[in-house]
């Protein structure tokens, strides 16, 4: 029923994130681009773990012969979400500190060394 739609959405999210990283110079937009890439990868992991009619492995009263869902992609996705949240918070904190010291969020102007 869902077919290849989630995989197409994964590719779109990752492509939008890469496009944002390659074309934008604002630090906040760069952080958004990295978050888009992380979301695409997380969706890809969840999509790989999908089993039609699958039963959660925690469910103890599963009927005999039922197909179980592999919990590894779900655990990897949860770990990736937590790491992504911490990474995004760190990037935004760096952006705030850079803005306070340099007065701009433009990555091109930040690279200039002031002697």
N, C-alpha and C. Protein backbone atom coordinates (compact mmCIF):
# COMPACT_ATOMS: atom_id res chain seq x y z
N UNK A 1 0.82 -1.19 0.00
CA UNK A 1 0.00 0.00 0.00
C UNK A 1 0.86 1.26 0.00
N UNK A 2 1.89 1.28 0.82
CA UNK A 2 2.70 2.51 0.85
C UNK A 2 3.75 2.50 -0.24
N UNK A 3 4.13 1.35 -0.73
CA UNK A 3 5.05 1.26 -1.85
C UNK A 3 6.38 1.95 -1.61
N UNK A 4 6.81 2.71 -2.57
CA UNK A 4 8.10 3.40 -2.49
C UNK A 4 7.96 4.85 -2.06
N UNK A 5 6.77 5.26 -1.65
CA UNK A 5 6.56 6.66 -1.26
C UNK A 5 7.49 7.12 -0.13
N UNK A 6 7.66 6.34 0.96
CA UNK A 6 8.57 6.81 2.02
C UNK A 6 10.02 6.96 1.54
N UNK A 7 10.45 6.09 0.63
CA UNK A 7 11.81 6.21 0.11
C UNK A 7 11.96 7.48 -0.73
N UNK A 8 10.91 7.83 -1.48
CA UNK A 8 10.94 9.07 -2.27
C UNK A 8 10.98 10.29 -1.34
N UNK A 9 10.23 10.23 -0.25
CA UNK A 9 10.25 11.35 0.71
C UNK A 9 11.62 11.45 1.37
N UNK A 10 12.26 10.32 1.66
CA UNK A 10 13.61 10.32 2.22
C UNK A 10 14.58 11.03 1.27
N UNK A 11 14.50 10.68 -0.01
CA UNK A 11 15.39 11.30 -0.98
C UNK A 11 15.13 12.79 -1.11
N UNK A 12 13.86 13.19 -1.06
CA UNK A 12 13.53 14.61 -1.15
C UNK A 12 14.07 15.36 0.06
N UNK A 13 13.89 14.81 1.26
CA UNK A 13 14.40 15.48 2.47
C UNK A 13 15.92 15.61 2.44
N UNK A 14 16.60 14.55 2.06
CA UNK A 14 18.06 14.59 2.02
C UNK A 14 18.53 15.56 0.93
N UNK A 15 17.86 15.56 -0.23
CA UNK A 15 18.23 16.48 -1.31
C UNK A 15 18.00 17.93 -0.90
N UNK A 16 16.89 18.22 -0.21
CA UNK A 16 16.64 19.58 0.26
C UNK A 16 17.68 20.02 1.29
N UNK A 17 18.06 19.10 2.16
CA UNK A 17 19.09 19.42 3.14
C UNK A 17 20.43 19.70 2.50
N UNK A 18 20.81 18.88 1.52
CA UNK A 18 22.08 19.11 0.81
C UNK A 18 22.04 20.41 0.02
N UNK A 19 20.89 20.68 -0.62
CA UNK A 19 20.75 21.94 -1.36
C UNK A 19 20.90 23.14 -0.42
N UNK A 20 20.30 23.03 0.75
CA UNK A 20 20.40 24.12 1.74
C UNK A 20 21.85 24.30 2.17
N UNK A 21 22.57 23.21 2.41
CA UNK A 21 23.96 23.31 2.84
C UNK A 21 24.85 23.91 1.76
N UNK A 22 24.55 23.61 0.51
CA UNK A 22 25.41 24.08 -0.58
C UNK A 22 25.10 25.49 -1.04
N UNK A 23 23.87 25.98 -0.83
CA UNK A 23 23.51 27.28 -1.39
C UNK A 23 23.30 28.38 -0.36
N UNK A 24 23.13 28.08 0.87
CA UNK A 24 22.85 29.10 1.89
C UNK A 24 24.10 29.41 2.69
N UNK A 25 24.17 30.64 3.20
CA UNK A 25 25.33 31.06 3.97
C UNK A 25 24.97 31.41 5.42
N UNK A 26 23.69 31.51 5.72
CA UNK A 26 23.25 31.84 7.07
C UNK A 26 23.42 30.62 7.97
N UNK A 27 23.97 30.82 9.16
CA UNK A 27 24.24 29.69 10.07
C UNK A 27 22.97 28.99 10.52
N UNK A 28 21.89 29.74 10.71
CA UNK A 28 20.63 29.14 11.13
C UNK A 28 20.09 28.25 10.00
N UNK A 29 20.19 28.72 8.76
CA UNK A 29 19.73 27.92 7.62
C UNK A 29 20.60 26.69 7.42
N UNK A 30 21.88 26.79 7.73
CA UNK A 30 22.75 25.62 7.67
C UNK A 30 22.34 24.58 8.70
N UNK A 31 21.98 25.03 9.89
CA UNK A 31 21.51 24.11 10.93
C UNK A 31 20.20 23.44 10.50
N UNK A 32 19.32 24.20 9.83
CA UNK A 32 18.07 23.63 9.34
C UNK A 32 18.36 22.58 8.27
N UNK A 33 19.34 22.84 7.40
CA UNK A 33 19.71 21.88 6.37
C UNK A 33 20.23 20.57 6.96
N UNK A 34 21.05 20.68 7.98
CA UNK A 34 21.56 19.46 8.63
C UNK A 34 20.42 18.71 9.30
N UNK A 35 19.47 19.42 9.88
CA UNK A 35 18.31 18.78 10.50
C UNK A 35 17.45 18.08 9.46
N UNK A 36 17.31 18.67 8.27
CA UNK A 36 16.56 18.02 7.20
C UNK A 36 17.23 16.71 6.78
N UNK A 37 18.54 16.71 6.68
CA UNK A 37 19.26 15.49 6.33
C UNK A 37 19.06 14.43 7.42
N UNK A 38 19.14 14.83 8.68
CA UNK A 38 18.92 13.89 9.78
C UNK A 38 17.51 13.30 9.73
N UNK A 39 16.52 14.14 9.42
CA UNK A 39 15.14 13.65 9.34
C UNK A 39 14.98 12.66 8.19
N UNK A 40 15.62 12.92 7.07
CA UNK A 40 15.56 12.00 5.95
C UNK A 40 16.18 10.65 6.29
N UNK A 41 17.30 10.67 6.98
CA UNK A 41 17.96 9.42 7.37
C UNK A 41 17.11 8.67 8.39
N UNK A 42 16.50 9.39 9.34
CA UNK A 42 15.64 8.73 10.33
C UNK A 42 14.43 8.09 9.67
N UNK A 43 13.82 8.79 8.72
CA UNK A 43 12.68 8.22 8.00
C UNK A 43 13.11 7.00 7.21
N UNK A 44 14.31 7.04 6.64
CA UNK A 44 14.82 5.89 5.90
C UNK A 44 14.99 4.68 6.81
N UNK A 45 15.52 4.89 8.02
CA UNK A 45 15.69 3.78 8.96
C UNK A 45 14.35 3.19 9.38
N UNK A 46 13.38 4.05 9.64
CA UNK A 46 12.06 3.56 10.04
C UNK A 46 11.41 2.80 8.88
N UNK A 47 11.58 3.30 7.66
CA UNK A 47 11.00 2.65 6.50
C UNK A 47 11.62 1.28 6.27
N UNK A 48 12.92 1.15 6.51
CA UNK A 48 13.56 -0.15 6.35
C UNK A 48 13.02 -1.17 7.34
N UNK A 49 12.64 -0.73 8.53
CA UNK A 49 12.16 -1.64 9.55
C UNK A 49 10.69 -1.98 9.45
N UNK A 50 9.99 -1.39 8.47
CA UNK A 50 8.54 -1.63 8.34
C UNK A 50 8.27 -3.04 7.83
N UNK A 51 7.35 -3.72 8.49
CA UNK A 51 6.90 -5.05 8.06
C UNK A 51 5.38 -5.00 8.01
N UNK A 52 4.82 -5.28 6.84
CA UNK A 52 3.36 -5.25 6.70
C UNK A 52 2.74 -6.35 7.57
N UNK A 53 1.84 -5.95 8.45
CA UNK A 53 1.18 -6.90 9.33
C UNK A 53 2.07 -7.40 10.45
N UNK A 54 3.18 -6.72 10.69
CA UNK A 54 4.11 -7.16 11.72
C UNK A 54 3.63 -6.84 13.12
N UNK A 55 4.11 -7.61 14.06
CA UNK A 55 3.75 -7.44 15.47
C UNK A 55 4.98 -6.93 16.20
N UNK A 56 4.75 -6.01 17.12
CA UNK A 56 5.86 -5.48 17.91
C UNK A 56 6.49 -6.60 18.74
N UNK A 57 7.83 -6.65 18.83
CA UNK A 57 8.47 -7.74 19.56
C UNK A 57 8.21 -7.71 21.06
N UNK A 58 7.69 -6.63 21.58
CA UNK A 58 7.39 -6.55 23.01
C UNK A 58 6.07 -7.25 23.31
N UNK A 59 5.22 -7.32 22.33
CA UNK A 59 3.90 -7.93 22.49
C UNK A 59 4.05 -9.42 22.78
N UNK A 60 3.71 -9.84 24.00
CA UNK A 60 3.97 -11.22 24.42
C UNK A 60 2.87 -12.19 24.01
N UNK A 61 1.69 -11.71 23.68
CA UNK A 61 0.59 -12.58 23.31
C UNK A 61 0.41 -12.63 21.80
N UNK A 62 1.52 -12.58 21.07
CA UNK A 62 1.45 -12.65 19.61
C UNK A 62 1.01 -14.05 19.19
N UNK A 63 0.20 -14.13 18.15
CA UNK A 63 -0.22 -15.45 17.67
C UNK A 63 0.98 -16.22 17.14
N UNK A 64 0.95 -17.53 17.24
CA UNK A 64 2.08 -18.33 16.75
C UNK A 64 2.27 -18.12 15.25
N UNK A 65 3.52 -17.99 14.85
CA UNK A 65 3.85 -17.79 13.44
C UNK A 65 3.68 -16.37 12.96
N UNK A 66 3.41 -15.42 13.86
CA UNK A 66 3.25 -14.02 13.46
C UNK A 66 4.60 -13.43 13.09
N UNK A 67 4.60 -12.55 12.12
CA UNK A 67 5.83 -11.89 11.71
C UNK A 67 6.13 -10.75 12.68
N UNK A 68 7.31 -10.79 13.22
CA UNK A 68 7.72 -9.77 14.18
C UNK A 68 8.47 -8.65 13.45
N UNK A 69 8.34 -7.46 13.98
CA UNK A 69 9.07 -6.31 13.46
C UNK A 69 10.45 -6.31 14.10
N UNK A 70 11.47 -6.07 13.30
CA UNK A 70 12.83 -6.01 13.81
C UNK A 70 13.01 -4.71 14.61
N UNK A 71 13.38 -4.78 15.88
CA UNK A 71 13.46 -3.56 16.70
C UNK A 71 14.73 -2.74 16.49
N UNK A 72 15.72 -3.28 15.77
CA UNK A 72 16.98 -2.57 15.62
C UNK A 72 16.83 -1.23 14.90
N UNK A 73 16.10 -1.12 13.78
CA UNK A 73 15.95 0.20 13.15
C UNK A 73 15.26 1.22 14.05
N UNK A 74 14.32 0.74 14.86
CA UNK A 74 13.64 1.66 15.77
C UNK A 74 14.60 2.18 16.84
N UNK A 75 15.45 1.30 17.36
CA UNK A 75 16.43 1.72 18.37
C UNK A 75 17.46 2.67 17.75
N UNK A 76 17.90 2.38 16.53
CA UNK A 76 18.84 3.27 15.86
C UNK A 76 18.22 4.64 15.61
N UNK A 77 16.95 4.65 15.22
CA UNK A 77 16.27 5.92 14.97
C UNK A 77 16.11 6.72 16.25
N UNK A 78 15.75 6.08 17.33
CA UNK A 78 15.62 6.78 18.61
C UNK A 78 16.96 7.37 19.04
N UNK A 79 18.02 6.60 18.89
CA UNK A 79 19.36 7.10 19.22
C UNK A 79 19.74 8.26 18.31
N UNK A 80 19.42 8.15 17.04
CA UNK A 80 19.73 9.21 16.09
C UNK A 80 18.97 10.49 16.40
N UNK A 81 17.73 10.36 16.84
CA UNK A 81 16.95 11.54 17.21
C UNK A 81 17.57 12.26 18.39
N UNK A 82 17.99 11.51 19.39
CA UNK A 82 18.60 12.12 20.58
C UNK A 82 19.92 12.80 20.22
N UNK A 83 20.74 12.13 19.43
CA UNK A 83 22.02 12.72 19.02
C UNK A 83 21.78 13.94 18.14
N UNK A 84 20.79 13.85 17.25
CA UNK A 84 20.47 14.98 16.38
C UNK A 84 19.98 16.18 17.16
N UNK A 85 19.19 15.95 18.20
CA UNK A 85 18.72 17.04 19.03
C UNK A 85 19.88 17.74 19.73
N UNK A 86 20.80 16.95 20.27
CA UNK A 86 21.96 17.54 20.94
C UNK A 86 22.85 18.29 19.95
N UNK A 87 23.02 17.75 18.77
CA UNK A 87 23.84 18.40 17.75
C UNK A 87 23.21 19.71 17.29
N UNK A 88 21.90 19.70 17.09
CA UNK A 88 21.20 20.92 16.68
C UNK A 88 21.28 21.98 17.76
N UNK A 89 21.11 21.59 19.01
CA UNK A 89 21.22 22.54 20.11
C UNK A 89 22.62 23.14 20.18
N UNK A 90 23.64 22.32 19.96
CA UNK A 90 25.01 22.82 19.97
C UNK A 90 25.27 23.78 18.81
N UNK A 91 24.76 23.44 17.61
CA UNK A 91 24.94 24.33 16.46
C UNK A 91 24.26 25.67 16.69
N UNK A 92 23.05 25.64 17.23
CA UNK A 92 22.35 26.90 17.49
C UNK A 92 23.01 27.70 18.60
N UNK A 93 23.57 27.03 19.59
CA UNK A 93 24.30 27.74 20.64
C UNK A 93 25.55 28.41 20.07
N UNK A 94 26.25 27.71 19.17
CA UNK A 94 27.41 28.32 18.49
C UNK A 94 26.97 29.51 17.66
N UNK A 95 25.83 29.41 17.00
CA UNK A 95 25.34 30.52 16.18
C UNK A 95 25.05 31.74 17.05
N UNK A 96 24.48 31.52 18.23
CA UNK A 96 24.19 32.64 19.13
C UNK A 96 25.49 33.30 19.60
N UNK A 97 26.48 32.50 19.97
CA UNK A 97 27.76 33.04 20.43
C UNK A 97 28.47 33.79 19.30
N UNK A 98 28.45 33.23 18.10
CA UNK A 98 29.08 33.90 16.96
C UNK A 98 28.37 35.20 16.65
N UNK A 99 27.06 35.21 16.73
CA UNK A 99 26.32 36.45 16.47
C UNK A 99 26.65 37.52 17.51
N UNK A 100 26.80 37.11 18.77
CA UNK A 100 27.13 38.09 19.81
C UNK A 100 28.52 38.68 19.61
N UNK A 101 29.47 37.86 19.13
CA UNK A 101 30.84 38.35 18.97
C UNK A 101 31.07 39.04 17.64
N UNK A 102 30.48 38.54 16.58
CA UNK A 102 30.74 39.09 15.25
C UNK A 102 29.62 39.98 14.73
N UNK A 103 28.43 39.85 15.27
CA UNK A 103 27.31 40.68 14.83
C UNK A 103 26.68 40.22 13.52
N UNK A 104 27.01 39.05 13.04
CA UNK A 104 26.44 38.53 11.80
C UNK A 104 26.35 37.01 11.87
N UNK A 105 25.46 36.47 11.04
CA UNK A 105 25.33 35.02 10.93
C UNK A 105 25.78 34.54 9.55
N UNK A 106 26.33 35.43 8.75
CA UNK A 106 26.80 35.08 7.41
C UNK A 106 28.12 34.33 7.52
N UNK A 107 28.14 33.09 7.01
CA UNK A 107 29.34 32.26 7.13
C UNK A 107 30.52 32.85 6.36
N UNK A 108 30.27 33.56 5.27
CA UNK A 108 31.35 34.17 4.51
C UNK A 108 32.05 35.28 5.28
N UNK A 109 31.30 36.06 6.02
CA UNK A 109 31.89 37.16 6.80
C UNK A 109 32.57 36.65 8.07
N UNK A 110 32.10 35.53 8.57
CA UNK A 110 32.70 34.98 9.79
C UNK A 110 34.08 34.40 9.50
N UNK A 111 34.28 33.90 8.28
CA UNK A 111 35.56 33.30 7.93
C UNK A 111 36.69 34.31 7.85
N UNK A 112 36.36 35.56 7.61
CA UNK A 112 37.40 36.59 7.51
C UNK A 112 38.11 36.75 8.84
N UNK A 113 39.42 36.70 8.81
CA UNK A 113 40.20 36.87 10.04
C UNK A 113 40.44 38.34 10.28
N UNK A 114 40.26 38.72 11.50
CA UNK A 114 40.53 40.11 11.87
C UNK A 114 41.81 40.10 12.71
N UNK A 115 42.81 40.76 12.20
CA UNK A 115 44.11 40.72 12.85
C UNK A 115 44.24 41.77 13.85
